[in-house]
C-alpha atoms as a PDB file:
ATOM      1  CA  MET A   1     -56.998  14.657 -11.587  1.00  0.00           C
ATOM      2  CA  SER A   2     -54.617  12.298 -13.355  1.00  0.00           C
ATOM      3  CA  ASP A   3     -53.120   9.223 -11.731  1.00  0.00           C
ATOM      4  CA  PRO A   4     -49.735   9.936 -10.358  1.00  0.00           C
ATOM      5  CA  THR A   5     -47.157   7.592 -11.831  1.00  0.00           C
ATOM      6  CA  THR A   6     -44.073   5.843 -10.173  1.00  0.00           C
ATOM      7  CA  TYR A   7     -40.752   5.418 -11.570  1.00  0.00           C
ATOM      8  CA  ALA A   8     -41.487   1.732 -12.128  1.00  0.00           C
ATOM      9  CA  ASP A   9     -44.468   2.585 -14.318  1.00  0.00           C
ATOM     10  CA  GLN A  10     -42.467   4.915 -16.504  1.00  0.00           C
ATOM     11  CA  GLU A  11     -40.567   3.848 -19.690  1.00  0.00           C
ATOM     12  CA  PRO A  12     -36.608   4.384 -19.276  1.00  0.00           C
ATOM     13  CA  ARG A  13     -35.676   7.583 -21.161  1.00  0.00           C
ATOM     14  CA  THR A  14     -32.021   6.190 -21.552  1.00  0.00           C
ATOM     15  CA  SER A  15     -30.954   3.737 -24.298  1.00  0.00           C
ATOM     16  CA  THR A  16     -29.100   0.599 -23.796  1.00  0.00           C
ATOM     17  CA  GLY A  17     -26.116   2.091 -25.419  1.00  0.00           C
ATOM     18  CA  GLU A  18     -26.010   4.895 -23.255  1.00  0.00           C
ATOM     19  CA  ARG A  19     -26.183   2.653 -20.005  1.00  0.00           C
ATOM     20  CA  THR A  20     -23.428   0.594 -21.521  1.00  0.00           C
ATOM     21  CA  VAL A  21     -21.176   3.653 -22.104  1.00  0.00           C
ATOM     22  CA  THR A  22     -21.824   4.743 -18.458  1.00  0.00           C
ATOM     23  CA  VAL A  23     -20.777   1.205 -17.076  1.00  0.00           C
ATOM     24  CA  LEU A  24     -17.575   1.065 -19.247  1.00  0.00           C
ATOM     25  CA  LEU A  25     -16.768   4.691 -18.108  1.00  0.00           C
ATOM     26  CA  MET A  26     -17.398   3.896 -14.352  1.00  0.00           C
ATOM     27  CA  ILE A  27     -15.207   0.869 -14.708  1.00  0.00           C
ATOM     28  CA  GLY A  28     -12.402   2.873 -16.383  1.00  0.00           C
ATOM     29  CA  LEU A  29     -12.692   5.239 -13.489  1.00  0.00           C
ATOM     30  CA  ALA A  30     -12.516   2.468 -10.873  1.00  0.00           C
ATOM     31  CA  ALA A  31      -9.251   1.458 -12.532  1.00  0.00           C
ATOM     32  CA  LEU A  32      -7.921   4.973 -12.273  1.00  0.00           C
ATOM     33  CA  VAL A  33      -8.811   5.481  -8.519  1.00  0.00           C
ATOM     34  CA  PRO A  34      -6.196   3.062  -7.180  1.00  0.00           C
ATOM     35  CA  VAL A  35      -3.480   4.374  -9.481  1.00  0.00           C
ATOM     36  CA  ALA A  36      -4.097   8.015  -8.312  1.00  0.00           C
ATOM     37  CA  SER A  37      -3.950   6.904  -4.668  1.00  0.00           C
ATOM     38  CA  LEU A  38      -0.572   5.182  -5.339  1.00  0.00           C
ATOM     39  CA  PHE A  39       0.885   8.169  -7.012  1.00  0.00           C
ATOM     40  CA  ALA A  40      -0.382  10.197  -4.037  1.00  0.00           C
ATOM     41  CA  MET A  41       1.390   7.965  -1.663  1.00  0.00           C
ATOM     42  CA  ILE A  42       4.533   8.381  -3.675  1.00  0.00           C
ATOM     43  CA  LEU A  43       4.323  12.159  -2.969  1.00  0.00           C
ATOM     44  CA  HIS A  44       5.139  11.552   0.533  1.00  0.00           C
ATOM     45  CA  MET A  45       8.738  10.997  -0.528  1.00  0.00           C
ATOM     46  CA  LEU A  46       8.822  14.937  -0.799  1.00  0.00           C
ATOM     47  CA  SER A  47       9.633  15.000   2.850  1.00  0.00           C
ATOM     48  CA  ASP A  48      12.732  12.886   2.335  1.00  0.00           C
ATOM     49  CA  GLY A  49      14.525  15.989   0.900  1.00  0.00           C
ATOM     50  CA  CYS A  50      13.987  17.935   4.085  1.00  0.00           C
ATOM     51  CA  PRO A  51      17.065  17.875   6.519  1.00  0.00           C
ATOM     52  CA  ASP A  52      16.464  16.902  10.163  1.00  0.00           C
ATOM     53  CA  GLY A  53      15.550  20.034  12.210  1.00  0.00           C
ATOM     54  CA  SER A  54      14.565  22.009   9.189  1.00  0.00           C
ATOM     55  CA  GLU A  55      11.439  23.946   8.695  1.00  0.00           C
ATOM     56  CA  CYS A  56      10.214  21.925   5.831  1.00  0.00           C
ATOM     57  CA  GLY A  57       6.475  21.468   6.653  1.00  0.00           C
ATOM     58  CA  ARG A  58       6.245  17.732   7.043  1.00  0.00           C
ATOM     59  CA  ASP A  59       2.724  18.045   8.254  1.00  0.00           C
ATOM     60  CA  GLN A  60       1.662  20.035   5.459  1.00  0.00           C
ATOM     61  CA  VAL A  61       3.202  17.369   3.052  1.00  0.00           C
ATOM     62  CA  GLY A  62       1.020  14.782   4.973  1.00  0.00           C
ATOM     63  CA  VAL A  63      -2.193  17.042   4.592  1.00  0.00           C
ATOM     64  CA  GLY A  64      -1.479  17.229   0.750  1.00  0.00           C
ATOM     65  CA  VAL A  65      -0.887  13.316   0.411  1.00  0.00           C
ATOM     66  CA  ALA A  66      -3.995  12.778   2.384  1.00  0.00           C
ATOM     67  CA  VAL A  67      -5.973  15.229  -0.117  1.00  0.00           C
ATOM     68  CA  ALA A  68      -4.630  13.524  -3.050  1.00  0.00           C
ATOM     69  CA  ALA A  69      -4.919   9.986  -1.741  1.00  0.00           C
ATOM     70  CA  TRP A  70      -8.405  10.057  -0.444  1.00  0.00           C
ATOM     71  CA  SER A  71     -10.216  12.563  -2.956  1.00  0.00           C
ATOM     72  CA  PRO A  72     -10.427  10.154  -5.858  1.00  0.00           C
ATOM     73  CA  TRP A  73     -12.027   7.510  -3.552  1.00  0.00           C
ATOM     74  CA  ALA A  74     -14.677  10.112  -2.471  1.00  0.00           C
ATOM     75  CA  VAL A  75     -15.283  11.559  -5.897  1.00  0.00           C
ATOM     76  CA  TYR A  76     -15.753   7.942  -7.224  1.00  0.00           C
ATOM     77  CA  VAL A  77     -18.173   7.060  -4.486  1.00  0.00           C
ATOM     78  CA  ALA A  78     -20.208  10.227  -5.235  1.00  0.00           C
ATOM     79  CA  ALA A  79     -20.259   9.626  -8.755  1.00  0.00           C
ATOM     80  CA  LEU A  80     -21.473   6.087  -8.273  1.00  0.00           C
ATOM     81  CA  VAL A  81     -24.208   7.197  -5.968  1.00  0.00           C
ATOM     82  CA  LEU A  82     -25.302   9.819  -8.541  1.00  0.00           C
ATOM     83  CA  VAL A  83     -25.284   7.295 -11.511  1.00  0.00           C
ATOM     84  CA  VAL A  84     -27.431   4.954  -9.530  1.00  0.00           C
ATOM     85  CA  ARG A  85     -29.869   7.608  -8.584  1.00  0.00           C
ATOM     86  CA  ARG A  86     -29.986   8.876 -12.179  1.00  0.00           C
ATOM     87  CA  TRP A  87     -30.116   5.511 -13.680  1.00  0.00           C
ATOM     88  CA  VAL A  88     -33.359   4.506 -11.454  1.00  0.00           C
ATOM     89  CA  ARG A  89     -34.988   7.671 -12.561  1.00  0.00           C
ATOM     90  CA  GLY A  90     -34.429   6.943 -16.105  1.00  0.00           C
ATOM     91  CA  ARG A  91     -32.122   9.963 -16.639  1.00  0.00           C
ATOM     92  CA  SER A  92     -29.013  10.505 -18.693  1.00  0.00           C
ATOM     93  CA  THR A  93     -25.826   9.127 -16.796  1.00  0.00           C
ATOM     94  CA  TRP A  94     -22.913   9.057 -19.437  1.00  0.00           C
ATOM     95  CA  TRP A  95     -21.617  12.409 -18.460  1.00  0.00           C
ATOM     96  CA  VAL A  96     -21.385  11.815 -14.764  1.00  0.00           C
ATOM     97  CA  PRO A  97     -18.024   9.568 -14.924  1.00  0.00           C
ATOM     98  CA  LEU A  98     -16.435  12.246 -17.035  1.00  0.00           C
ATOM     99  CA  VAL A  99     -17.213  15.039 -14.764  1.00  0.00           C
ATOM    100  CA  ALA A 100     -16.100  12.819 -11.832  1.00  0.00           C
ATOM    101  CA  LEU A 101     -12.719  12.358 -13.724  1.00  0.00           C
ATOM    102  CA  VAL A 102     -12.114  15.971 -14.074  1.00  0.00           C
ATOM    103  CA  ILE A 103     -13.074  16.856 -10.298  1.00  0.00           C
ATOM    104  CA  GLY A 104     -10.983  13.813  -9.218  1.00  0.00           C
ATOM    105  CA  VAL A 105      -8.018  15.240 -11.272  1.00  0.00           C
ATOM    106  CA  ALA A 106      -8.685  18.876  -9.777  1.00  0.00           C
ATOM    107  CA  PHE A 107      -8.663  17.585  -6.168  1.00  0.00           C
ATOM    108  CA  TRP A 108      -5.462  15.299  -6.698  1.00  0.00           C
ATOM    109  CA  ALA A 109      -3.707  18.313  -8.236  1.00  0.00           C
ATOM    110  CA  LEU A 110      -4.729  20.351  -5.213  1.00  0.00           C
ATOM    111  CA  GLY A 111      -3.355  17.892  -2.850  1.00  0.00           C
ATOM    112  CA  ARG A 112      -0.152  17.717  -4.951  1.00  0.00           C
ATOM    113  CA  SER A 113       0.157  21.416  -4.682  1.00  0.00           C
ATOM    114  CA  ILE A 114      -0.208  21.439  -1.193  1.00  0.00           C
ATOM    115  CA  ALA A 115       2.419  18.888  -0.639  1.00  0.00           C
ATOM    116  CA  LEU A 116       4.758  20.598  -3.078  1.00  0.00           C
ATOM    117  CA  SER A 117       4.166  24.140  -1.559  1.00  0.00           C
ATOM    118  CA  ALA A 118       5.509  22.600   1.910  1.00  0.00           C
ATOM    119  CA  VAL A 119       8.973  21.752   0.418  1.00  0.00           C
ATOM    120  CA  SER A 120       9.411  24.626  -2.003  1.00  0.00           C
ATOM    121  CA  THR A 121       8.496  27.476   0.428  1.00  0.00           C
ATOM    122  CA  GLY A 122      10.144  25.737   3.615  1.00  0.00           C
ATOM    123  CA  GLY A 123       6.928  25.345   5.456  1.00  0.00           C
END
């Protein structure tokens, strides 16, 4: 039987350049997250166009804004956890922030669509 090796005994399979790229991409993603949340909060102004007593769907606008505002943070934290786990195991990590960006944009667009549909269809 061979001796089982631990992660500390293994040579990392990633290069310094790849780790540098991962860190730079995660910093860029971290800069985009608050911007996306701010734009999501601005979406709340959609309900300003609803006259009082109309069936405009203000609650639906709120749900859409919540999805658009919180999803970038959730996706970033999930990406950070995945990067750290893969980094410790010596696996490739450069693609994680790129996938997180695509997923974050998709969830933000979903929240925007939910909020817009409340105004355009009348609730």
